[in-house]
Protein backbone atom coordinates (compact mmCIF):
# COMPACT_ATOMS: atom_id res chain seq x y z
CA MET A 1 26.04 -15.99 -11.46
CA LYS A 2 27.24 -16.54 -7.85
CA LEU A 3 27.02 -15.39 -4.59
CA GLU A 4 29.75 -12.94 -3.92
CA GLU A 5 31.41 -12.65 -0.18
CA ASN A 6 29.09 -11.37 2.72
CA SER A 7 26.24 -12.59 0.72
CA SER A 8 22.84 -13.65 2.54
CA ALA A 9 20.14 -16.09 2.28
CA PHE A 10 18.50 -13.34 0.73
CA ASP A 11 20.83 -13.26 -2.09
CA LEU A 12 20.45 -16.89 -2.46
CA LEU A 13 16.48 -16.48 -2.49
CA ALA A 14 16.84 -13.84 -5.22
CA PHE A 15 19.05 -16.00 -7.35
CA LEU A 16 17.02 -19.32 -7.27
CA CYS A 17 13.82 -16.93 -8.34
CA SER A 18 15.75 -15.19 -11.14
CA VAL A 19 16.49 -18.94 -12.69
CA PHE A 20 12.88 -19.07 -13.74
CA THR A 21 11.35 -17.22 -16.31
CA LYS A 22 7.92 -16.02 -15.45
CA GLU A 23 6.52 -18.63 -17.95
CA LYS A 24 8.59 -21.40 -16.35
CA GLU A 25 7.68 -20.33 -12.76
CA ARG A 26 3.90 -20.46 -14.08
CA GLU A 27 4.57 -24.15 -15.85
CA CYS A 28 6.16 -25.22 -12.60
CA ALA A 29 3.44 -24.07 -10.31
CA GLU A 30 0.55 -25.87 -12.54
CA MET A 31 2.36 -29.03 -13.13
CA ARG A 32 3.06 -29.21 -9.63
CA SER A 33 -0.34 -27.99 -7.97
CA THR A 34 -1.34 -31.30 -6.49
CA VAL A 35 1.94 -32.38 -5.68
CA VAL A 36 2.09 -34.90 -2.39
CA GLU A 37 4.47 -34.06 0.70
CA GLU A 38 6.03 -37.17 0.12
CA THR A 39 7.70 -35.84 -3.07
CA VAL A 40 8.52 -32.37 -1.74
CA GLN A 41 10.41 -34.34 1.33
CA LYS A 42 12.21 -36.56 -1.02
CA MET A 43 13.23 -33.10 -2.84
CA VAL A 44 14.13 -31.45 0.49
CA GLU A 45 16.00 -34.69 1.42
CA GLN A 46 18.30 -34.15 -1.40
CA TYR A 47 19.16 -30.78 -0.66
CA LYS A 48 18.98 -31.12 2.92
CA ASN A 49 22.71 -29.59 3.56
CA LEU A 50 22.09 -26.34 1.45
CA ILE A 51 18.73 -26.06 3.62
CA ALA A 52 20.66 -26.59 7.08
CA LEU A 53 23.11 -23.80 5.55
CA VAL A 54 19.95 -21.31 5.66
CA LEU A 55 18.79 -22.25 8.94
CA ASN A 56 21.96 -22.03 10.50
CA ALA A 57 22.61 -18.61 9.31
CA SER A 58 19.97 -17.37 11.28
CA ALA A 59 21.62 -16.46 14.02
CA ASN A 60 24.09 -14.34 12.18
CA GLU A 61 21.24 -12.25 10.06
CA TYR A 62 21.19 -15.04 7.51
CA ARG A 63 24.57 -14.01 6.54
CA PHE A 64 27.06 -16.91 5.25
CA ASN A 65 30.88 -17.14 5.85
CA SER A 66 33.52 -17.71 2.78
CA GLU A 67 33.17 -21.70 3.35
CA GLU A 68 29.53 -21.62 3.52
CA ILE A 69 29.22 -19.45 0.57
CA GLN A 70 31.74 -21.87 -1.62
CA CYS A 71 29.60 -24.90 -0.36
CA ILE A 72 26.66 -22.93 -1.56
CA ASN A 73 28.17 -22.07 -5.20
CA ASP A 74 29.14 -25.72 -5.92
CA TYR A 75 25.20 -26.33 -5.41
CA LEU A 76 24.18 -23.80 -7.69
CA GLN A 77 26.53 -24.55 -10.42
CA LYS A 78 25.22 -28.35 -10.31
CA ILE A 79 21.67 -26.59 -10.31
CA ASP A 80 22.58 -24.46 -13.60
CA GLU A 81 23.96 -27.55 -15.07
CA ASN A 82 21.04 -29.69 -14.41
CA CYS A 83 18.47 -27.46 -15.41
CA LYS A 84 20.02 -26.77 -18.59
CA LYS A 85 20.73 -30.81 -19.44
CA ASN A 86 17.55 -31.64 -18.56
CA THR A 87 13.92 -28.91 -17.95
CA ALA A 88 12.38 -31.54 -15.42
CA GLU A 89 14.91 -30.28 -12.98
CA PHE A 90 13.17 -27.04 -12.67
CA GLY A 91 10.64 -28.82 -10.91
CA GLN A 92 12.67 -29.77 -8.35
CA LEU A 93 14.07 -26.30 -8.22
CA TYR A 94 10.74 -24.84 -7.86
CA PHE A 95 10.02 -26.95 -4.58
CA LEU A 96 13.75 -26.11 -3.61
CA THR A 97 13.28 -22.22 -3.79
CA ILE A 98 9.62 -22.36 -1.79
CA GLU A 99 11.28 -24.32 1.06
CA ILE A 100 14.52 -21.91 1.02
CA GLU A 101 11.73 -18.75 1.55
CA HIS A 102 10.06 -20.95 4.03
CA CYS A 103 13.32 -21.48 6.26
CA ILE A 104 14.15 -17.82 6.08
CA GLU A 105 12.34 -15.92 8.82
CA ARG A 106 11.13 -12.34 8.32
CA PHE A 107 13.89 -10.32 8.75
CA ALA A 108 13.32 -8.06 12.25
CA ASN A 109 16.30 -6.96 13.61
CA TRP A 110 15.81 -3.00 12.88
CA GLN A 111 16.70 -2.22 16.05
CA GLY A 112 18.30 1.50 16.33
CA ARG A 113 16.95 2.42 12.89
CA GLY A 114 14.13 3.81 14.35
CA VAL A 115 10.56 3.58 14.23
CA VAL A 116 10.11 4.31 10.70
CA PHE A 117 12.37 4.20 7.46
CA PRO A 118 13.13 3.39 4.00
CA ILE A 119 13.95 0.09 3.41
CA ALA A 120 15.94 -1.14 0.39
CA PRO A 121 15.51 -4.65 -1.00
CA LEU A 122 17.18 -7.49 1.53
CA ASN A 123 19.00 -8.84 -0.92
CA SER A 124 21.95 -7.17 -2.38
CA ASN A 125 22.53 -8.42 -5.81
CA TYR A 126 19.11 -7.22 -7.17
CA ILE A 127 20.85 -5.24 -9.79
CA GLU A 128 22.50 -8.62 -11.28
CA THR A 129 19.26 -10.61 -10.65
CA ASN A 130 16.84 -7.81 -11.44
CA ILE A 131 15.20 -9.60 -8.45
CA TYR A 132 13.93 -7.82 -5.25
CA ILE A 133 13.27 -9.07 -1.96
CA TYR A 134 11.23 -7.35 0.69
CA PRO A 135 9.63 -8.78 3.46
CA HIS A 136 5.75 -8.96 4.03
CA TYR A 137 3.22 -9.52 6.84
CA PRO A 138 0.15 -10.71 5.84
CA PRO A 139 -2.71 -8.46 7.20
CA ALA A 140 -4.77 -9.52 9.91
CA TRP A 141 -7.45 -10.67 8.42
CA ASN A 142 -7.71 -14.40 6.78
CA VAL A 143 -7.01 -14.10 3.04
CA ASP A 144 -6.96 -18.01 2.26
CA LYS A 145 -9.64 -17.76 -0.41
CA SER A 146 -7.75 -14.35 -2.17
CA GLU A 147 -7.02 -14.52 -5.72
CA ARG A 148 -3.33 -14.05 -4.75
CA LYS A 149 -3.16 -17.59 -3.24
CA ARG A 150 -4.73 -19.05 -6.75
CA CYS A 151 -1.83 -17.34 -8.85
CA ARG A 152 0.38 -19.61 -10.06
CA THR A 153 3.63 -17.39 -8.71
CA PHE A 154 5.76 -18.05 -5.94
CA ASN A 155 4.16 -15.33 -4.32
CA ALA A 156 1.54 -17.56 -3.55
CA LYS A 157 3.10 -19.89 -1.58
CA PHE A 158 5.88 -17.55 0.28
CA GLU A 159 5.25 -17.06 3.54
CA ASN A 160 7.34 -14.15 5.01
CA HIS A 161 8.57 -12.17 1.67
CA VAL A 162 7.76 -10.95 -1.46
CA MET A 163 9.66 -11.21 -4.88
CA ILE A 164 9.26 -8.46 -7.26
CA ARG A 165 10.66 -8.66 -10.77
CA LYS A 166 12.21 -5.16 -12.02
CA ASP A 167 10.98 -5.70 -15.24
CA ASP A 168 7.26 -6.31 -13.83
CA VAL A 169 7.07 -2.85 -12.21
CA SER A 170 8.22 -0.82 -15.51
CA PRO A 171 7.39 1.93 -16.03
CA PHE A 172 7.00 2.40 -12.06
CA GLU A 173 9.52 1.98 -9.45
CA ILE A 174 8.48 0.70 -6.10
CA SER A 175 9.40 2.47 -2.68
CA MET A 176 9.15 0.71 0.46
CA ASN A 177 9.06 1.99 3.83
CA TYR A 178 9.17 -0.22 7.38
CA TRP A 179 6.75 0.53 10.29
CA ASN A 180 8.50 -1.02 13.51
CA ASP A 181 5.45 -0.97 15.36
CA GLU A 182 1.98 -1.86 16.13
CA GLY A 183 -1.24 -0.73 17.92
CA LEU A 184 -3.63 0.57 15.22
CA LEU A 185 -5.78 -2.22 15.72
CA GLN A 186 -7.89 -2.58 19.23
CA ARG A 187 -7.89 -6.00 19.69
CA THR A 188 -10.53 -8.39 20.87
CA ASP A 189 -12.01 -11.76 22.22
CA ASN A 190 -12.70 -13.23 18.50
CA GLY A 191 -10.87 -10.59 16.34
CA TRP A 192 -10.10 -6.76 16.33
CA LYS A 193 -11.84 -3.25 15.66
CA LEU A 194 -10.28 -0.49 13.84
CA LYS A 195 -11.85 3.03 14.32
CA VAL A 196 -11.73 5.56 11.40
CA ALA A 197 -12.55 9.17 10.59
CA LEU A 198 -12.68 10.34 7.44
CA SER A 199 -13.45 14.31 6.86
CA PRO A 200 -14.61 15.89 3.37
CA VAL A 201 -13.97 18.82 5.26
CA MET A 202 -16.05 22.04 3.61
CA ASP A 203 -17.90 22.68 0.52
CA TYR A 204 -16.37 25.94 0.30
CA ALA A 205 -12.39 25.67 -0.31
CA GLN A 206 -11.29 28.00 -3.54
CA ILE A 207 -8.86 26.20 -5.05
CA ASP A 208 -6.23 28.74 -6.58
CA ALA A 209 -5.49 27.41 -9.98
CA GLU A 210 -4.08 28.96 -13.32
CA LYS A 211 -4.91 27.92 -16.73
CA VAL A 212 -1.52 26.99 -19.07
CA GLU A 213 -1.37 27.06 -22.60
CA GLU A 214 1.05 24.10 -23.52
CA GLU A 215 1.90 23.27 -26.83
CA TYR A 216 0.55 19.53 -26.01
CA GLY A 217 -2.85 20.67 -24.59
CA LYS A 218 -4.09 22.64 -21.78
CA SER A 219 -3.45 22.49 -17.75
CA LYS A 220 -4.06 23.87 -14.52
CA ARG A 221 -1.14 24.86 -12.87
CA VAL A 222 -2.70 24.60 -8.81
CA ASN A 223 -0.98 26.85 -6.17
CA GLY A 224 -2.78 26.03 -2.73
CA ILE A 225 -5.95 27.87 -1.73
CA LYS A 226 -7.27 31.18 -1.83
CA ASN A 227 -9.31 30.89 1.25
CA LYS A 228 -5.92 29.80 3.05
CA GLU A 229 -7.32 30.78 6.79
CA GLU A 230 -10.69 29.81 6.41
CA VAL A 231 -9.61 25.94 5.31
CA GLU A 232 -6.99 25.73 7.57
CA GLU A 233 -9.26 26.71 10.81
CA ARG A 234 -12.13 24.06 9.58
CA VAL A 235 -9.25 21.69 8.93
CA LEU A 236 -7.84 21.86 12.43
CA ARG A 237 -11.32 22.11 14.24
CA ILE A 238 -12.03 18.86 12.88
CA PHE A 239 -8.50 17.32 13.80
CA ASP A 240 -8.90 18.55 17.57
CA ALA A 241 -12.62 17.04 17.67
CA VAL A 242 -11.24 13.39 16.27
CA PHE A 243 -7.74 13.34 17.52
CA GLU A 244 -8.98 13.05 21.08
CA LYS A 245 -11.22 10.05 20.47
CA GLN A 246 -8.16 8.12 19.83
CA TYR A 247 -9.07 6.81 16.07
CA GLY A 248 -6.82 4.31 14.56
CA ILE A 249 -6.62 6.62 10.90
CA ILE A 250 -7.85 9.79 10.03
CA VAL A 251 -7.88 11.04 6.51
CA PHE A 252 -8.55 14.20 5.46
CA PRO A 253 -9.49 14.96 1.64
CA GLU A 254 -6.85 16.16 -1.30
CA MET A 255 -5.72 19.73 -1.95
CA LEU A 256 -6.79 21.73 1.20
CA GLY A 257 -3.65 21.30 2.59
CA SER A 258 -0.41 23.61 4.03
CA GLU A 259 2.87 23.55 5.78
CA ASP A 260 0.78 25.58 8.33
CA ILE A 261 -1.83 22.73 9.00
CA LEU A 262 1.31 20.45 8.82
CA GLU A 263 3.10 21.74 11.62
CA ALA A 264 -0.06 22.55 13.59
CA ILE A 265 -0.99 19.11 13.88
CA LYS A 266 2.67 17.60 14.07
CA GLU A 267 2.80 19.88 17.47
CA LYS A 268 -0.70 18.73 18.23
CA MET A 269 0.47 15.20 18.13
CA ARG A 270 3.77 15.76 19.91
CA MET A 271 2.18 16.57 22.87
CA HIS A 272 -0.06 13.34 22.90
CA PRO A 273 2.44 10.32 22.06
CA GLU A 274 0.24 8.06 23.96
CA ILE A 275 -2.47 8.64 21.07
CA TYR A 276 -1.84 6.05 18.55
CA SER A 277 -3.24 7.22 14.91
CA PHE A 278 -2.13 7.36 11.67
CA VAL A 279 -3.04 11.10 9.83
CA LEU A 280 -3.47 11.32 6.35
CA LEU A 281 -3.22 15.51 5.89
CA PRO A 282 -4.81 17.11 3.12
CA THR A 283 -2.33 16.88 0.70
CA ILE A 284 -0.28 20.40 0.02
CA CYS A 285 -0.10 21.88 -3.75
CA GLY A 286 2.28 24.10 -5.13
CA SER A 287 4.82 24.11 -7.41
CA GLU A 288 3.72 21.53 -9.66
CA ARG A 289 3.69 19.26 -6.85
CA ASN A 290 0.38 17.18 -4.72
CA VAL A 291 2.10 16.14 -2.01
CA LEU A 292 0.72 13.51 0.78
CA VAL A 293 1.98 13.60 4.33
CA ILE A 294 1.68 10.50 6.46
CA LEU A 295 1.89 11.19 10.18
CA GLY A 296 2.12 8.32 12.80
CA PRO A 297 1.95 8.56 16.58
CA GLY A 298 3.96 11.33 17.85
CA GLY A 299 3.37 13.34 14.86
CA VAL A 300 6.59 11.23 13.44
CA GLU A 301 6.36 11.50 9.57
CA LEU A 302 6.16 8.21 8.13
CA MET A 303 5.97 9.04 4.43
CA HIS A 304 6.17 12.20 2.01
CA LYS A 305 4.05 10.94 -1.47
CA ASP A 306 4.18 13.00 -4.58
CA LYS A 307 1.01 12.52 -6.79
CA GLY A 308 2.23 11.48 -10.14
CA THR A 309 -1.36 10.97 -11.96
CA ALA A 310 -2.77 14.13 -13.12
CA PHE A 311 -6.51 14.43 -12.96
CA ILE A 312 -8.53 15.82 -15.83
CA GLU A 313 -11.13 18.81 -15.91
CA GLU A 314 -13.76 19.43 -18.20
CA ASP A 315 -15.39 22.90 -17.61
CA GLU A 316 -18.64 24.58 -18.63
CA TYR A 317 -17.34 24.98 -22.56
CA GLY A 318 -15.92 21.21 -22.88
CA GLU A 319 -12.46 22.62 -22.61
CA SER A 320 -10.21 19.59 -21.10
CA TYR A 321 -7.10 20.75 -18.42
CA ARG A 322 -4.21 18.63 -16.99
CA GLU A 323 -3.58 18.84 -13.63
CA ARG A 324 0.41 20.12 -14.32
CA LEU A 325 2.30 17.88 -12.05
CA GLN A 326 6.34 17.11 -12.24
CA TYR A 327 6.75 13.75 -13.54
CA ASN A 328 6.54 10.69 -10.95
CA ASN A 329 6.82 7.15 -11.50
CA GLN A 330 6.79 6.38 -7.50
CA ILE A 331 4.84 3.56 -5.95
CA GLU A 332 5.11 4.32 -2.52
CA LEU A 333 3.89 1.53 0.39
CA LEU A 334 4.46 1.31 4.13
CA ILE A 335 5.42 -2.42 5.46
CA THR A 336 3.30 -3.00 8.40
CA LYS A 337 2.93 -6.13 10.94
CA GLU A 338 -0.97 -5.23 11.39
CA LEU A 339 -2.22 -4.30 8.14
CA GLY A 340 0.32 -5.69 5.57
CA ASN A 341 1.40 -2.98 2.75
CA ILE A 342 -0.67 0.12 3.04
CA ALA A 343 -0.88 1.99 -0.50
CA PHE A 344 -1.84 5.66 -0.48
CA PRO A 345 -2.63 6.75 -4.18
CA ILE A 346 -3.69 9.89 -4.53
CA CYS A 347 -7.46 10.56 -6.08
CA ALA A 348 -6.58 9.70 -10.17
CA GLU A 349 -3.92 7.44 -9.31
CA LEU A 350 -6.36 4.64 -8.19
CA LEU A 351 -7.89 5.05 -11.61
CA GLU A 352 -5.18 4.43 -13.59
CA PRO A 353 -5.45 0.91 -14.54
CA MET A 354 -1.51 0.34 -15.00
CA TYR A 355 -0.85 2.08 -11.67
CA TYR A 356 -3.52 0.10 -9.86
CA SER A 357 -2.35 -3.53 -11.43
CA LYS A 358 1.42 -2.56 -10.52
CA MET A 359 0.38 -1.39 -7.16
CA MET A 360 -1.94 -4.88 -6.49
CA GLU A 361 0.19 -7.05 -8.45
CA GLU A 362 3.89 -6.43 -7.70
CA GLY A 363 3.42 -3.82 -4.72
CA HIS A 364 1.32 -6.22 -2.97
CA ALA A 365 -1.08 -3.97 -1.65
CA ASP A 366 -3.14 -5.19 1.45
CA PHE A 367 -4.92 -1.87 2.56
CA ILE A 368 -5.51 1.45 0.61
CA ILE A 369 -6.34 4.48 1.37
CA THR A 370 -6.94 7.33 -1.02
CA PRO A 371 -7.79 11.04 -0.46
CA SER A 372 -9.35 12.64 -3.48
CA PHE A 373 -10.78 16.06 -4.62
CA SER A 374 -13.41 15.20 -7.57
CA PRO A 375 -16.47 15.84 -8.89
CA GLY A 376 -17.59 12.17 -9.23
CA TYR A 377 -17.55 8.85 -7.33
CA GLN A 378 -18.78 6.08 -9.65
CA ALA A 379 -14.96 5.14 -11.09
CA PHE A 380 -13.89 5.59 -7.65
CA ILE A 381 -16.48 2.75 -6.08
CA LYS A 382 -16.07 0.51 -9.24
CA THR A 383 -12.45 0.34 -8.85
CA LEU A 384 -12.77 -0.47 -4.96
CA LYS A 385 -14.84 -3.35 -6.04
CA LYS A 386 -11.37 -4.70 -7.76
CA GLY A 387 -10.41 -5.16 -3.95
CA GLU A 388 -12.85 -7.88 -3.21
CA ALA A 389 -10.96 -10.82 -5.29
CA ALA A 390 -7.71 -9.32 -3.59
CA MET A 391 -9.27 -9.54 -0.49
CA THR A 392 -7.73 -6.35 0.53
CA LEU A 393 -9.17 -3.50 2.75
CA GLY A 394 -9.94 0.11 1.47
CA LEU A 395 -11.01 3.68 2.28
CA TRP A 396 -11.78 6.63 0.21
CA VAL A 397 -12.73 10.07 1.35
CA ASN A 398 -13.94 12.66 -0.96
CA CYS A 399 -13.87 16.83 -0.59
CA CYS A 400 -17.48 18.79 -0.85
CA SER A 401 -15.64 21.44 -2.06
CA ALA A 402 -15.06 19.49 -5.47
CA LYS A 403 -18.66 20.76 -6.36
CA ASN A 404 -16.45 23.91 -7.57
CA VAL A 405 -15.07 21.91 -10.00
CA SER A 406 -17.91 20.09 -11.22
CA ARG A 407 -20.09 20.66 -14.21
CA ASN A 408 -23.32 20.55 -12.40
CA GLY A 409 -21.80 22.72 -9.32
CA LYS A 410 -23.10 19.85 -7.07
CA VAL A 411 -21.47 18.39 -4.53
CA PRO A 412 -21.35 14.28 -5.30
CA GLU A 413 -23.84 11.98 -3.85
CA VAL A 414 -21.24 9.94 -1.92
CA LEU A 415 -18.55 11.37 -0.28
CA ALA A 416 -16.70 8.48 1.24
CA ALA A 417 -16.89 4.33 0.97
CA VAL A 418 -15.31 1.66 2.68
CA GLN A 419 -14.26 -1.57 1.25
CA ILE A 420 -14.06 -4.92 2.95
CA PRO A 421 -12.30 -7.94 1.99
CA THR A 422 -15.69 -9.86 1.84
CA ASN A 423 -19.10 -9.08 1.87
CA THR A 424 -21.28 -9.74 5.11
CA ASN A 425 -24.74 -10.63 5.29
CA ASP A 426 -25.56 -10.07 1.66
CA ASP A 427 -23.86 -6.27 2.23
CA GLU A 428 -21.85 -5.38 -0.71
CA CYS A 429 -18.39 -5.23 0.01
CA VAL A 430 -18.05 -1.38 -0.78
CA GLN A 431 -20.29 0.40 1.53
CA GLN A 432 -21.00 4.00 -0.14
CA ILE A 433 -21.38 6.66 2.49
CA LYS A 434 -23.83 9.69 1.81
CA PRO A 435 -24.18 12.58 3.92
CA GLN A 436 -26.92 13.62 6.04
CA CYS A 437 -26.69 17.40 5.76
CA ASP A 438 -28.60 18.12 2.58
CA PHE A 439 -25.50 19.27 1.13
CA ALA A 440 -25.93 22.35 3.21
CA CYS A 441 -22.47 23.09 4.75
CA SER A 442 -22.83 25.10 7.51
CA ASP A 443 -20.14 26.15 10.33
CA GLU A 444 -20.27 22.81 12.09
CA ILE A 445 -17.54 20.38 11.77
CA CYS A 446 -18.33 17.25 9.66
CA TYR A 447 -16.70 13.89 9.49
CA PHE A 448 -17.54 10.41 9.00
CA ASP A 449 -17.07 8.02 12.19
CA ILE A 450 -16.50 4.71 11.18
CA LYS A 451 -16.18 1.28 12.66
CA ILE A 452 -14.55 -1.75 11.06
CA VAL A 453 -14.94 -5.18 13.12
CA TYR A 454 -13.03 -8.22 12.23
CA GLN A 455 -14.99 -11.10 14.11
CA ASN A 456 -14.91 -14.67 13.78
CA LYS A 457 -13.17 -14.23 10.44
CA ARG A 458 -16.10 -11.97 8.90
CA PHE A 459 -16.34 -8.29 8.35
CA TYR A 460 -19.03 -5.34 9.56
CA VAL A 461 -19.01 -2.18 9.00
CA GLN A 462 -20.85 0.64 11.23
CA PHE A 463 -20.81 4.14 9.93
CA GLU A 464 -22.13 7.89 10.82
CA HIS A 465 -21.95 11.08 9.80
CA CYS A 466 -20.58 13.19 12.93
CA MET A 467 -21.23 17.06 12.87
CA CYS A 468 -20.82 19.16 16.07
CA ALA A 469 -20.31 22.45 17.09
């Protein structure tokens, strides 16, 4: 394998990563976990001309000219020959790969492409190498003690990018979008603050669903909401109340959405582009799809995400029904400069072990936001707790109307949760939020006002159940 015409430093990095199997990558990382700086510097000296080519390419968006590519290919041929003759050469190649990544700054020349857009791998040789290189911004909190830093992988050492092996993602596919702006966090002298509004909306939404008998089991096709006008009016009233308070993130639960809600909220946000909010609208169900739309400042559509993991509902007779969905194996993430990679699993997706592991380990999710429509909450709390080891941040909100699909007909005791990367003052890393309304839904609008404060490298969470006319 060699670099082709118009190749870039990202192609070089992908090539170097592809030389390693996962086993060899771990072996090199393990054997050299206590190496001294002097040894690294000797390796750097040996490959100083190759490293200089990468540094010089920064002036040309890290693209190499024909002469540089020829020189690099000579290096790659020698590296390949040396590794075949002597496996000890992998040790030097391991350090070289990390040094090359450190030399490549985060590619940020996105001018003219808009505020948000899908992003392909930075390397063009991903088909040949089966390696995807993406930019990655560390989240705005200290992750030095994260389990990710203890992994024996390149990503534990990389500073500006993540490397994804295609085979490791299977049976899923990773889709990345890039948010070319910042402003979600309110900066303070010793850290930052994030204001969040989570709303369970109401307990009297009626889901329009029909049972379907299939050869391979029973399913339910969700077509939308029966009392559509009531639900839309309630959602829009809540949005008006929280939007004017300028929350950084606003999250509605699953299943209560509609195209009318989408257009109405878009219009309101267009009228106030100065308000910097991410809004997760209630998902829209119909045509065997369950779609989450995420809006950014000015009502711009950041992402559309299809739910790919069906819920399993058990009725009062013990019959189980699967949510009828078109098959979807996509894991979508949003690359941001403040909160790292944001993932948006919808309800059951968070609970699927394989989806969760691929989202975390391959997608490198730093912040997870989950809207839900579920008769229970304990499984979500248990899954959110997994984020403590990876030092992720997490939000989850349920809908009171989920009582209508519950066997006991009751609203879940816990309706929202905040998972912080580390516990503070002996508090649990997952703060469970219970409603203060005695589970009696009134005409008042309701939402949870949450303040996540990061100060002097410690997290603090404050929350209040707000109900207002």
